Amino acid sequence: MGYATDSAGGIMTTEYIALRGDLTILDALKKVKQIGPKTEVIETIFVLNEKKELVGTADLRDLLLAPEEHQLYEITDKNMIFVHPEVDQEEVALLVSKYDLKAIPVVNKKNALLGIVTVDDIIDVIVEEQTEDMLRLGGVNEEDRVDSPLLTSVRKRLPWLFVNLATAFLASFTVGLFEDVIAQVVALAAAMPIVAGMGGNAGTQSLSVVIRSIALGELDLKRDWKLIFKEASLGMINGAATGIVTGLILYMKYGNPYLGLIIFVAMIGNLVIAGFFGFLIPLVLKSIGTDPALASAIFLTTATDVFGFFLFLGLAKTFLNFLI
């Protein structure tokens, strides 16, 4: 209870088997029979030296098969994975998942065994962390529930709605810069949401993949920044594919090939922007110590709306004579 609830120390259990490595296999088996019924994990034995420092682990299967006169040290695996009690539970879950561990030991700075985190606790952590990320992507606090009191839900959700409102005004201001263009070509008003909406959807795809990779420990800004070009290239290809379809539909509806061409170019540009920001935003937020799931969606939709509107309407203004 002296550790944070979301740390390795907070979720560890002290119900484990730890034996001196200089015990014989026969004596170790007697200890396992004596201690085993009281422990949560019996198949992994944690091996200590004479200073009570953790030196490795032994598997119960190896213990049963080894000659009785051998020492426990002889079947000890010294290539162990361990964590300190202050480590965040999400990092512990990543290690257990990565190395397929049944339990991971928690040690202090002197390498003394404090407890273990078992795989069933890790499952609870994974569910909790994924639920938290999913809610935060939607701008909802993880404490908010369907049956929460009305005022509690208002207090948890309203601040993010005000943030979204501010970004919506930014997009509205961008559109307002081109009011004269929209007044002359009304078809632009019908086409604008397509560009912004497709950019938002494409960006959300990139965002979801990146946040998942961050959560699994697979992605790092310093190491993997070049992958941003892959996301931008993906945006270019997807933008071209969807832009051709959109351009043809608008051409058939309004009979103006230039309108189709403009939305084709704008779609490519906005999906490239969506891929760029969808990849970069969560990584930058993580690098400055902010939860990537907490604010990524707001920044992303702002970028795709503002740049999408500006690009589409800017092109329309440039080629206005061909649209009238």
C-alpha atoms as a PDB file:
ATOM      1  CA  MET A   1       0.000   0.000   0.000  1.00  0.00           C
ATOM      2  CA  GLY A   2       3.029   2.253   0.164  1.00  0.00           C
ATOM      3  CA  TYR A   3       3.244   2.342  -3.632  1.00  0.00           C
ATOM      4  CA  ALA A   4       1.065   4.008  -6.244  1.00  0.00           C
ATOM      5  CA  THR A   5      -1.895   1.852  -7.259  1.00  0.00           C
ATOM      6  CA  ASP A   6      -0.849   1.940 -10.927  1.00  0.00           C
ATOM      7  CA  SER A   7       2.779   0.932 -10.260  1.00  0.00           C
ATOM      8  CA  ALA A   8       4.498  -2.457 -10.098  1.00  0.00           C
ATOM      9  CA  GLY A   9       4.668  -2.140  -6.314  1.00  0.00           C
ATOM     10  CA  GLY A  10       0.964  -1.349  -6.156  1.00  0.00           C
ATOM     11  CA  ILE A  11      -0.174  -4.424  -8.099  1.00  0.00           C
ATOM     12  CA  MET A  12       2.393  -6.969  -6.864  1.00  0.00           C
ATOM     13  CA  THR A  13       1.629  -9.878  -4.542  1.00  0.00           C
ATOM     14  CA  THR A  14       3.868 -11.273  -1.815  1.00  0.00           C
ATOM     15  CA  GLU A  15       2.517 -14.818  -2.212  1.00  0.00           C
ATOM     16  CA  TYR A  16       5.388 -16.509  -4.038  1.00  0.00           C
ATOM     17  CA  ILE A  17       8.074 -19.160  -3.523  1.00  0.00           C
ATOM     18  CA  ALA A  18      11.627 -17.894  -3.008  1.00  0.00           C
ATOM     19  CA  LEU A  19      14.377 -20.374  -2.067  1.00  0.00           C
ATOM     20  CA  ARG A  20      18.098 -20.245  -1.433  1.00  0.00           C
ATOM     21  CA  GLY A  21      20.076 -21.427  -4.428  1.00  0.00           C
ATOM     22  CA  ASP A  22      22.379 -23.629  -2.322  1.00  0.00           C
ATOM     23  CA  LEU A  23      19.501 -25.909  -1.331  1.00  0.00           C
ATOM     24  CA  THR A  24      19.536 -29.400  -2.787  1.00  0.00           C
ATOM     25  CA  ILE A  25      16.770 -30.347  -5.197  1.00  0.00           C
ATOM     26  CA  LEU A  26      15.324 -32.673  -2.573  1.00  0.00           C
ATOM     27  CA  ASP A  27      15.183 -29.956   0.069  1.00  0.00           C
ATOM     28  CA  ALA A  28      13.781 -27.485  -2.465  1.00  0.00           C
ATOM     29  CA  LEU A  29      10.946 -29.908  -3.311  1.00  0.00           C
ATOM     30  CA  LYS A  30      10.110 -30.272   0.382  1.00  0.00           C
ATOM     31  CA  LYS A  31       9.931 -26.484   0.689  1.00  0.00           C
ATOM     32  CA  VAL A  32       7.704 -26.235  -2.388  1.00  0.00           C
ATOM     33  CA  LYS A  33       5.294 -28.800  -0.918  1.00  0.00           C
ATOM     34  CA  GLN A  34       5.251 -26.865   2.330  1.00  0.00           C
ATOM     35  CA  ILE A  35       4.883 -23.346   0.881  1.00  0.00           C
ATOM     36  CA  GLY A  36       3.064 -24.082  -2.377  1.00  0.00           C
ATOM     37  CA  PRO A  37      -0.532 -24.205  -1.057  1.00  0.00           C
ATOM     38  CA  LYS A  38      -0.140 -20.681   0.329  1.00  0.00           C
ATOM     39  CA  THR A  39       1.202 -19.079  -2.863  1.00  0.00           C
ATOM     40  CA  GLU A  40      -0.430 -17.677  -5.991  1.00  0.00           C
ATOM     41  CA  VAL A  41       2.234 -19.026  -8.368  1.00  0.00           C
ATOM     42  CA  ILE A  42       3.861 -22.415  -7.832  1.00  0.00           C
ATOM     43  CA  GLU A  43       5.359 -23.209 -11.238  1.00  0.00           C
ATOM     44  CA  THR A  44       8.049 -20.503 -10.966  1.00  0.00           C
ATOM     45  CA  ILE A  45      10.521 -20.584  -8.074  1.00  0.00           C
ATOM     46  CA  PHE A  46      12.552 -17.444  -7.403  1.00  0.00           C
ATOM     47  CA  VAL A  47      16.136 -18.220  -6.446  1.00  0.00           C
ATOM     48  CA  LEU A  48      18.054 -16.126  -3.893  1.00  0.00           C
ATOM     49  CA  ASN A  49      21.703 -16.082  -2.841  1.00  0.00           C
ATOM     50  CA  GLU A  50      23.039 -15.999   0.706  1.00  0.00           C
ATOM     51  CA  LYS A  51      22.470 -12.211   0.815  1.00  0.00           C
ATOM     52  CA  LYS A  52      18.807 -12.763  -0.084  1.00  0.00           C
ATOM     53  CA  GLU A  53      19.374 -11.095  -3.471  1.00  0.00           C
ATOM     54  CA  LEU A  54      17.402 -12.371  -6.455  1.00  0.00           C
ATOM     55  CA  VAL A  55      19.723 -14.242  -8.816  1.00  0.00           C
ATOM     56  CA  GLY A  56      17.286 -16.016 -11.127  1.00  0.00           C
ATOM     57  CA  THR A  57      14.304 -18.314 -11.496  1.00  0.00           C
ATOM     58  CA  ALA A  58      13.785 -22.052 -11.637  1.00  0.00           C
ATOM     59  CA  ASP A  59      10.933 -23.864 -13.346  1.00  0.00           C
ATOM     60  CA  LEU A  60       8.979 -26.439 -11.341  1.00  0.00           C
ATOM     61  CA  ARG A  61       9.254 -28.890 -14.255  1.00  0.00           C
ATOM     62  CA  ASP A  62      13.072 -28.695 -14.118  1.00  0.00           C
ATOM     63  CA  LEU A  63      12.950 -29.060 -10.349  1.00  0.00           C
ATOM     64  CA  LEU A  64      10.936 -32.293 -10.615  1.00  0.00           C
ATOM     65  CA  LEU A  65      13.259 -33.763 -13.263  1.00  0.00           C
ATOM     66  CA  ALA A  66      16.623 -32.794 -11.761  1.00  0.00           C
ATOM     67  CA  PRO A  67      18.702 -35.219  -9.655  1.00  0.00           C
ATOM     68  CA  GLU A  68      17.842 -34.842  -5.968  1.00  0.00           C
ATOM     69  CA  GLU A  69      21.449 -34.278  -4.885  1.00  0.00           C
ATOM     70  CA  HIS A  70      22.008 -31.303  -7.245  1.00  0.00           C
ATOM     71  CA  GLN A  71      21.762 -27.755  -5.976  1.00  0.00           C
ATOM     72  CA  LEU A  72      18.980 -25.410  -7.019  1.00  0.00           C
ATOM     73  CA  TYR A  73      21.621 -23.120  -8.546  1.00  0.00           C
ATOM     74  CA  GLU A  74      22.279 -25.763 -11.224  1.00  0.00           C
ATOM     75  CA  ILE A  75      18.813 -25.433 -12.755  1.00  0.00           C
ATOM     76  CA  THR A  76      18.503 -21.673 -12.207  1.00  0.00           C
ATOM     77  CA  ASP A  77      17.909 -19.418 -15.208  1.00  0.00           C
ATOM     78  CA  LYS A  78      19.895 -16.264 -14.478  1.00  0.00           C
ATOM     79  CA  ASN A  79      18.646 -14.385 -17.574  1.00  0.00           C
ATOM     80  CA  MET A  80      15.640 -12.990 -15.770  1.00  0.00           C
ATOM     81  CA  ILE A  81      13.427  -9.981 -16.393  1.00  0.00           C
ATOM     82  CA  PHE A  82      12.556  -7.878 -13.358  1.00  0.00           C
ATOM     83  CA  VAL A  83      11.129  -4.443 -12.516  1.00  0.00           C
ATOM     84  CA  HIS A  84      11.451  -1.938  -9.703  1.00  0.00           C
ATOM     85  CA  PRO A  85       8.348  -1.078  -7.646  1.00  0.00           C
ATOM     86  CA  GLU A  86       8.039   2.456  -9.036  1.00  0.00           C
ATOM     87  CA  VAL A  87       7.664   1.261 -12.649  1.00  0.00           C
ATOM     88  CA  ASP A  88       4.292   2.053 -14.235  1.00  0.00           C
ATOM     89  CA  GLN A  89       1.908  -0.886 -14.542  1.00  0.00           C
ATOM     90  CA  GLU A  90       1.623  -0.385 -18.311  1.00  0.00           C
ATOM     91  CA  GLU A  91       5.367  -0.923 -18.717  1.00  0.00           C
ATOM     92  CA  VAL A  92       5.131  -4.060 -16.566  1.00  0.00           C
ATOM     93  CA  ALA A  93       2.339  -5.361 -18.802  1.00  0.00           C
ATOM     94  CA  LEU A  94       4.474  -4.755 -21.896  1.00  0.00           C
ATOM     95  CA  LEU A  95       7.356  -6.779 -20.442  1.00  0.00           C
ATOM     96  CA  VAL A  96       5.119  -9.700 -19.433  1.00  0.00           C
ATOM     97  CA  SER A  97       3.509  -9.710 -22.878  1.00  0.00           C
ATOM     98  CA  LYS A  98       6.807  -9.356 -24.752  1.00  0.00           C
ATOM     99  CA  TYR A  99       8.603 -12.195 -22.934  1.00  0.00           C
ATOM    100  CA  ASP A 100       5.556 -14.456 -22.311  1.00  0.00           C
ATOM    101  CA  LEU A 101       6.126 -14.472 -18.563  1.00  0.00           C
ATOM    102  CA  LYS A 102       3.845 -16.164 -16.037  1.00  0.00           C
ATOM    103  CA  ALA A 103       5.085 -13.764 -13.356  1.00  0.00           C
ATOM    104  CA  ILE A 104       7.613 -10.953 -13.149  1.00  0.00           C
ATOM    105  CA  PRO A 105       9.609 -10.231  -9.969  1.00  0.00           C
ATOM    106  CA  VAL A 106       9.657  -6.804  -8.326  1.00  0.00           C
ATOM    107  CA  VAL A 107      12.990  -5.922  -6.680  1.00  0.00           C
ATOM    108  CA  ASN A 108      14.375  -2.931  -4.829  1.00  0.00           C
ATOM    109  CA  LYS A 109      17.646  -1.120  -5.535  1.00  0.00           C
ATOM    110  CA  LYS A 110      19.574  -3.747  -3.558  1.00  0.00           C
ATOM    111  CA  ASN A 111      18.087  -6.477  -5.757  1.00  0.00           C
ATOM    112  CA  ALA A 112      16.057  -7.860  -2.856  1.00  0.00           C
ATOM    113  CA  LEU A 113      12.813  -9.516  -3.914  1.00  0.00           C
ATOM    114  CA  LEU A 114       9.767  -7.489  -2.797  1.00  0.00           C
ATOM    115  CA  GLY A 115       6.997  -9.348  -4.613  1.00  0.00           C
ATOM    116  CA  ILE A 116       5.804 -10.576  -7.984  1.00  0.00           C
ATOM    117  CA  VAL A 117       3.257  -9.435 -10.549  1.00  0.00           C
ATOM    118  CA  THR A 118       1.285 -12.353 -11.969  1.00  0.00           C
ATOM    119  CA  VAL A 119      -0.193 -12.711 -15.421  1.00  0.00           C
ATOM    120  CA  ASP A 120      -3.794 -12.521 -14.146  1.00  0.00           C
ATOM    121  CA  ASP A 121      -3.029  -9.100 -12.673  1.00  0.00           C
ATOM    122  CA  ILE A 122      -1.465  -8.103 -15.985  1.00  0.00           C
ATOM    123  CA  ILE A 123      -4.681  -9.004 -17.811  1.00  0.00           C
ATOM    124  CA  ASP A 124      -6.551  -6.616 -15.516  1.00  0.00           C
ATOM    125  CA  VAL A 125      -3.945  -3.921 -16.244  1.00  0.00           C
ATOM    126  CA  ILE A 126      -4.252  -4.376 -20.018  1.00  0.00           C
ATOM    127  CA  VAL A 127      -8.056  -4.107 -19.867  1.00  0.00           C
ATOM    128  CA  GLU A 128      -7.820  -1.025 -17.645  1.00  0.00           C
ATOM    129  CA  GLU A 129      -5.223   0.728 -19.828  1.00  0.00           C
ATOM    130  CA  GLN A 130      -7.011  -0.026 -23.093  1.00  0.00           C
ATOM    131  CA  THR A 131     -10.324   1.187 -21.663  1.00  0.00           C
ATOM    132  CA  GLU A 132      -8.637   4.368 -20.455  1.00  0.00           C
ATOM    133  CA  ASP A 133      -7.065   5.019 -23.882  1.00  0.00           C
ATOM    134  CA  MET A 134     -10.342   4.354 -25.700  1.00  0.00           C
ATOM    135  CA  LEU A 135     -12.237   6.794 -23.475  1.00  0.00           C
ATOM    136  CA  ARG A 136      -9.546   9.452 -23.698  1.00  0.00           C
ATOM    137  CA  LEU A 137      -9.561   9.245 -27.495  1.00  0.00           C
ATOM    138  CA  GLY A 138     -13.210  10.247 -27.273  1.00  0.00           C
ATOM    139  CA  GLY A 139     -12.428  13.082 -24.891  1.00  0.00           C
ATOM    140  CA  VAL A 140     -14.045  11.276 -21.944  1.00  0.00           C
ATOM    141  CA  ASN A 141     -12.539  10.805 -18.491  1.00  0.00           C
ATOM    142  CA  GLU A 142     -11.976   7.166 -17.530  1.00  0.00           C
ATOM    143  CA  GLU A 143     -13.961   7.740 -14.329  1.00  0.00           C
ATOM    144  CA  ASP A 144     -17.110   8.626 -16.292  1.00  0.00           C
ATOM    145  CA  ARG A 145     -19.681   5.842 -16.545  1.00  0.00           C
ATOM    146  CA  VAL A 146     -23.123   5.398 -18.082  1.00  0.00           C
ATOM    147  CA  ASP A 147     -24.651   5.397 -14.613  1.00  0.00           C
ATOM    148  CA  SER A 148     -22.563   8.316 -13.297  1.00  0.00           C
ATOM    149  CA  PRO A 149     -24.500  11.235 -11.734  1.00  0.00           C
ATOM    150  CA  LEU A 150     -25.553  13.859 -14.280  1.00  0.00           C
ATOM    151  CA  LEU A 151     -23.393  16.651 -12.818  1.00  0.00           C
ATOM    152  CA  THR A 152     -20.357  14.363 -12.686  1.00  0.00           C
ATOM    153  CA  SER A 153     -20.700  13.537 -16.382  1.00  0.00           C
ATOM    154  CA  VAL A 154     -21.134  17.224 -17.216  1.00  0.00           C
ATOM    155  CA  ARG A 155     -17.993  18.110 -15.244  1.00  0.00           C
ATOM    156  CA  LYS A 156     -15.956  15.382 -16.948  1.00  0.00           C
ATOM    157  CA  ARG A 157     -17.128  16.001 -20.535  1.00  0.00           C
ATOM    158  CA  LEU A 158     -17.859  19.707 -20.859  1.00  0.00           C
ATOM    159  CA  PRO A 159     -14.239  20.993 -20.668  1.00  0.00           C
ATOM    160  CA  TRP A 160     -13.259  18.900 -23.692  1.00  0.00           C
ATOM    161  CA  LEU A 161     -16.322  20.084 -25.575  1.00  0.00           C
ATOM    162  CA  PHE A 162     -15.168  23.678 -25.001  1.00  0.00           C
ATOM    163  CA  VAL A 163     -11.742  22.752 -26.363  1.00  0.00           C
ATOM    164  CA  ASN A 164     -13.427  21.231 -29.411  1.00  0.00           C
ATOM    165  CA  LEU A 165     -15.552  24.359 -29.734  1.00  0.00           C
ATOM    166  CA  ALA A 166     -12.417  26.511 -29.847  1.00  0.00           C
ATOM    167  CA  THR A 167     -10.931  24.380 -32.617  1.00  0.00           C
ATOM    168  CA  ALA A 168     -14.256  24.464 -34.486  1.00  0.00           C
ATOM    169  CA  PHE A 169     -14.126  28.269 -34.446  1.00  0.00           C
ATOM    170  CA  LEU A 170     -10.614  28.064 -35.887  1.00  0.00           C
ATOM    171  CA  ALA A 171     -11.926  25.977 -38.787  1.00  0.00           C
ATOM    172  CA  SER A 172     -14.881  28.352 -39.154  1.00  0.00           C
ATOM    173  CA  PHE A 173     -12.508  31.310 -39.308  1.00  0.00           C
ATOM    174  CA  THR A 174     -10.588  29.585 -42.103  1.00  0.00           C
ATOM    175  CA  VAL A 175     -13.799  29.126 -44.090  1.00  0.00           C
ATOM    176  CA  GLY A 176     -14.721  32.748 -43.412  1.00  0.00           C
ATOM    177  CA  LEU A 177     -11.596  33.902 -45.248  1.00  0.00           C
ATOM    178  CA  PHE A 178     -13.153  32.573 -48.457  1.00  0.00           C
ATOM    179  CA  GLU A 179     -16.757  33.741 -48.064  1.00  0.00           C
ATOM    180  CA  ASP A 180     -16.618  35.667 -51.334  1.00  0.00           C
ATOM    181  CA  VAL A 181     -15.459  32.565 -53.209  1.00  0.00           C
ATOM    182  CA  ILE A 182     -18.200  30.372 -51.720  1.00  0.00           C
ATOM    183  CA  ALA A 183     -20.806  33.032 -52.538  1.00  0.00           C
ATOM    184  CA  GLN A 184     -19.820  32.874 -56.201  1.00  0.00           C
ATOM    185  CA  VAL A 185     -19.568  29.060 -56.398  1.00  0.00           C
ATOM    186  CA  VAL A 186     -22.202  27.526 -54.124  1.00  0.00           C
ATOM    187  CA  ALA A 187     -21.106  23.995 -55.050  1.00  0.00           C
ATOM    188  CA  LEU A 188     -18.007  24.539 -52.922  1.00  0.00           C
ATOM    189  CA  ALA A 189     -20.140  24.564 -49.774  1.00  0.00           C
ATOM    190  CA  ALA A 190     -21.412  21.081 -50.620  1.00  0.00           C
ATOM    191  CA  ALA A 191     -17.938  19.741 -51.392  1.00  0.00           C
ATOM    192  CA  MET A 192     -16.064  21.183 -48.385  1.00  0.00           C
ATOM    193  CA  PRO A 193     -17.270  18.633 -45.802  1.00  0.00           C
ATOM    194  CA  ILE A 194     -16.054  15.806 -48.034  1.00  0.00           C
ATOM    195  CA  VAL A 195     -12.455  17.021 -47.934  1.00  0.00           C
ATOM    196  CA  ALA A 196     -12.467  17.677 -44.179  1.00  0.00           C
ATOM    197  CA  GLY A 197     -14.347  14.474 -43.351  1.00  0.00           C
ATOM    198  CA  MET A 198     -12.065  12.217 -45.400  1.00  0.00           C
ATOM    199  CA  GLY A 199      -9.011  13.894 -43.886  1.00  0.00           C
ATOM    200  CA  GLY A 200     -10.366  13.322 -40.385  1.00  0.00           C
ATOM    201  CA  ASN A 201     -11.140   9.660 -41.086  1.00  0.00           C
ATOM    202  CA  ALA A 202      -7.718   9.000 -42.628  1.00  0.00           C
ATOM    203  CA  GLY A 203      -6.002  10.771 -39.766  1.00  0.00           C
ATOM    204  CA  THR A 204      -7.935   8.706 -37.229  1.00  0.00           C
ATOM    205  CA  GLN A 205      -6.718   5.538 -38.950  1.00  0.00           C
ATOM    206  CA  SER A 206      -3.083   6.655 -38.603  1.00  0.00           C
ATOM    207  CA  LEU A 207      -3.714   7.859 -35.066  1.00  0.00           C
ATOM    208  CA  SER A 208      -5.216   4.540 -33.969  1.00  0.00           C
ATOM    209  CA  VAL A 209      -2.341   2.500 -35.419  1.00  0.00           C
ATOM    210  CA  VAL A 210       0.306   4.769 -33.881  1.00  0.00           C
ATOM    211  CA  ILE A 211      -1.298   4.910 -30.413  1.00  0.00           C
ATOM    212  CA  ARG A 212      -1.612   1.123 -30.400  1.00  0.00           C
ATOM    213  CA  SER A 213       2.057   0.775 -31.392  1.00  0.00           C
ATOM    214  CA  ILE A 214       3.065   3.205 -28.636  1.00  0.00           C
ATOM    215  CA  ALA A 215       1.002   1.249 -26.105  1.00  0.00           C
ATOM    216  CA  LEU A 216       2.777  -1.969 -27.148  1.00  0.00           C
ATOM    217  CA  GLY A 217       6.194  -0.308 -26.966  1.00  0.00           C
ATOM    218  CA  GLU A 218       6.819  -0.822 -30.679  1.00  0.00           C
ATOM    219  CA  LEU A 219       7.255   2.824 -31.681  1.00  0.00           C
ATOM    220  CA  ASP A 220       9.606   5.601 -30.613  1.00  0.00           C
ATOM    221  CA  LEU A 221       9.932   9.086 -32.135  1.00  0.00           C
ATOM    222  CA  LYS A 222      13.739   9.196 -32.084  1.00  0.00           C
ATOM    223  CA  ARG A 223      14.101   5.717 -33.555  1.00  0.00           C
ATOM    224  CA  ASP A 224      11.183   5.483 -35.974  1.00  0.00           C
ATOM    225  CA  TRP A 225      10.636   9.047 -37.211  1.00  0.00           C
ATOM    226  CA  LYS A 226      11.293   7.979 -40.816  1.00  0.00           C
ATOM    227  CA  LEU A 227       8.023   6.025 -40.799  1.00  0.00           C
ATOM    228  CA  ILE A 228       6.280   9.374 -41.111  1.00  0.00           C
ATOM    229  CA  PHE A 229       7.132   9.278 -44.817  1.00  0.00           C
ATOM    230  CA  LYS A 230       5.325   5.951 -45.117  1.00  0.00           C
ATOM    231  CA  GLU A 231       2.170   7.470 -43.605  1.00  0.00           C
ATOM    232  CA  ALA A 232       2.457  10.504 -45.902  1.00  0.00           C
ATOM    233  CA  SER A 233       2.873   8.219 -48.926  1.00  0.00           C
ATOM    234  CA  LEU A 234      -0.127   6.194 -47.811  1.00  0.00           C
ATOM    235  CA  GLY A 235      -2.111   9.409 -47.589  1.00  0.00           C
ATOM    236  CA  MET A 236      -1.070  10.351 -51.104  1.00  0.00           C
ATOM    237  CA  ILE A 237      -2.190   7.004 -52.545  1.00  0.00           C
ATOM    238  CA  ASN A 238      -5.470   6.895 -50.624  1.00  0.00           C
ATOM    239  CA  GLY A 239      -6.091  10.552 -51.385  1.00  0.00           C
ATOM    240  CA  ALA A 240      -5.593   9.968 -55.101  1.00  0.00           C
ATOM    241  CA  ALA A 241      -7.928   6.936 -55.086  1.00  0.00           C
ATOM    242  CA  THR A 242     -10.738   8.651 -53.177  1.00  0.00           C
ATOM    243  CA  GLY A 243     -10.090  11.958 -54.961  1.00  0.00           C
ATOM    244  CA  ILE A 244     -10.659  10.402 -58.394  1.00  0.00           C
ATOM    245  CA  VAL A 245     -14.023   8.981 -57.307  1.00  0.00           C
ATOM    246  CA  THR A 246     -15.073  12.250 -55.644  1.00  0.00           C
ATOM    247  CA  GLY A 247     -13.910  14.336 -58.591  1.00  0.00           C
ATOM    248  CA  LEU A 248     -15.854  12.210 -61.071  1.00  0.00           C
ATOM    249  CA  ILE A 249     -19.043  12.386 -58.984  1.00  0.00           C
ATOM    250  CA  LEU A 250     -18.815  16.176 -58.651  1.00  0.00           C
ATOM    251  CA  TYR A 251     -18.090  16.501 -62.367  1.00  0.00           C
ATOM    252  CA  MET A 252     -21.188  14.454 -63.214  1.00  0.00           C
ATOM    253  CA  LYS A 253     -23.303  16.446 -60.771  1.00  0.00           C
ATOM    254  CA  TYR A 254     -22.143  19.988 -61.613  1.00  0.00           C
ATOM    255  CA  GLY A 255     -20.693  19.481 -65.108  1.00  0.00           C
ATOM    256  CA  ASN A 256     -17.472  21.346 -64.253  1.00  0.00           C
ATOM    257  CA  PRO A 257     -14.225  19.359 -64.685  1.00  0.00           C
ATOM    258  CA  TYR A 258     -12.203  21.988 -62.810  1.00  0.00           C
ATOM    259  CA  LEU A 259     -14.263  21.463 -59.661  1.00  0.00           C
ATOM    260  CA  GLY A 260     -13.491  17.744 -59.889  1.00  0.00           C
ATOM    261  CA  LEU A 261      -9.792  18.466 -60.431  1.00  0.00           C
ATOM    262  CA  ILE A 262      -9.627  20.863 -57.482  1.00  0.00           C
ATOM    263  CA  ILE A 263     -11.205  18.405 -55.058  1.00  0.00           C
ATOM    264  CA  PHE A 264      -8.918  15.661 -56.409  1.00  0.00           C
ATOM    265  CA  VAL A 265      -5.820  17.719 -55.552  1.00  0.00           C
ATOM    266  CA  ALA A 266      -7.289  18.881 -52.232  1.00  0.00           C
ATOM    267  CA  MET A 267      -8.110  15.316 -51.234  1.00  0.00           C
ATOM    268  CA  ILE A 268      -4.551  14.188 -51.878  1.00  0.00           C
ATOM    269  CA  GLY A 269      -3.149  17.134 -49.956  1.00  0.00           C
ATOM    270  CA  ASN A 270      -5.421  16.719 -46.943  1.00  0.00           C
ATOM    271  CA  LEU A 271      -4.873  12.966 -46.640  1.00  0.00           C
ATOM    272  CA  VAL A 272      -1.112  13.521 -46.759  1.00  0.00           C
ATOM    273  CA  ILE A 273      -1.562  16.088 -43.970  1.00  0.00           C
ATOM    274  CA  ALA A 274      -3.773  13.616 -42.079  1.00  0.00           C
ATOM    275  CA  GLY A 275      -1.141  10.870 -42.293  1.00  0.00           C
ATOM    276  CA  PHE A 276       1.617  13.283 -41.268  1.00  0.00           C
ATOM    277  CA  PHE A 277      -0.172  14.636 -38.208  1.00  0.00           C
ATOM    278  CA  GLY A 278      -1.807  11.307 -37.323  1.00  0.00           C
ATOM    279  CA  PHE A 279       1.666   9.820 -37.013  1.00  0.00           C
ATOM    280  CA  LEU A 280       3.483  12.771 -35.480  1.00  0.00           C
ATOM    281  CA  ILE A 281       1.035  14.162 -32.895  1.00  0.00           C
ATOM    282  CA  PRO A 282       0.847  11.154 -30.520  1.00  0.00           C
ATOM    283  CA  LEU A 283       4.619  10.617 -30.661  1.00  0.00           C
ATOM    284  CA  VAL A 284       5.331  14.273 -29.872  1.00  0.00           C
ATOM    285  CA  LEU A 285       2.817  14.212 -27.007  1.00  0.00           C
ATOM    286  CA  LYS A 286       4.465  11.078 -25.611  1.00  0.00           C
ATOM    287  CA  SER A 287       7.941  12.622 -25.889  1.00  0.00           C
ATOM    288  CA  ILE A 288       6.870  15.614 -23.757  1.00  0.00           C
ATOM    289  CA  GLY A 289       5.253  13.389 -21.141  1.00  0.00           C
ATOM    290  CA  THR A 290       1.578  13.769 -22.150  1.00  0.00           C
ATOM    291  CA  ASP A 291      -0.758  10.823 -22.666  1.00  0.00           C
ATOM    292  CA  PRO A 292      -0.981  10.397 -26.488  1.00  0.00           C
ATOM    293  CA  ALA A 293      -4.601   9.286 -26.255  1.00  0.00           C
ATOM    294  CA  LEU A 294      -5.684  12.318 -24.257  1.00  0.00           C
ATOM    295  CA  ALA A 295      -5.351  15.165 -26.743  1.00  0.00           C
ATOM    296  CA  SER A 296      -4.311  13.623 -30.080  1.00  0.00           C
ATOM    297  CA  ALA A 297      -7.791  13.543 -31.609  1.00  0.00           C
ATOM    298  CA  ILE A 298      -8.414  17.240 -30.950  1.00  0.00           C
ATOM    299  CA  PHE A 299      -5.137  18.352 -32.527  1.00  0.00           C
ATOM    300  CA  LEU A 300      -5.661  15.980 -35.450  1.00  0.00           C
ATOM    301  CA  THR A 301      -9.182  17.122 -36.345  1.00  0.00           C
ATOM    302  CA  THR A 302      -8.070  20.740 -36.042  1.00  0.00           C
ATOM    303  CA  ALA A 303      -5.225  20.133 -38.485  1.00  0.00           C
ATOM    304  CA  THR A 304      -7.315  18.229 -41.041  1.00  0.00           C
ATOM    305  CA  ASP A 305     -10.234  20.705 -40.877  1.00  0.00           C
ATOM    306  CA  VAL A 306      -8.140  23.867 -41.061  1.00  0.00           C
ATOM    307  CA  PHE A 307      -5.665  22.669 -43.671  1.00  0.00           C
ATOM    308  CA  GLY A 308      -8.364  20.829 -45.623  1.00  0.00           C
ATOM    309  CA  PHE A 309     -10.614  23.880 -45.874  1.00  0.00           C
ATOM    310  CA  PHE A 310      -7.702  26.202 -46.589  1.00  0.00           C
ATOM    311  CA  LEU A 311      -6.288  23.952 -49.304  1.00  0.00           C
ATOM    312  CA  PHE A 312      -9.615  23.299 -51.027  1.00  0.00           C
ATOM    313  CA  LEU A 313     -10.891  26.869 -50.885  1.00  0.00           C
ATOM    314  CA  GLY A 314      -7.468  28.276 -51.690  1.00  0.00           C
ATOM    315  CA  LEU A 315      -7.344  26.221 -54.879  1.00  0.00           C
ATOM    316  CA  ALA A 316     -10.918  27.249 -55.685  1.00  0.00           C
ATOM    317  CA  LYS A 317      -9.989  30.918 -55.313  1.00  0.00           C
ATOM    318  CA  THR A 318      -6.925  30.452 -57.538  1.00  0.00           C
ATOM    319  CA  PHE A 319      -9.010  28.868 -60.284  1.00  0.00           C
ATOM    320  CA  LEU A 320     -12.175  30.859 -59.629  1.00  0.00           C
ATOM    321  CA  ASN A 321     -12.476  32.008 -63.248  1.00  0.00           C
ATOM    322  CA  PHE A 322     -12.797  28.352 -64.346  1.00  0.00           C
ATOM    323  CA  LEU A 323     -15.497  27.595 -61.778  1.00  0.00           C
ATOM    324  CA  ILE A 324     -17.886  30.476 -62.499  1.00  0.00           C
END
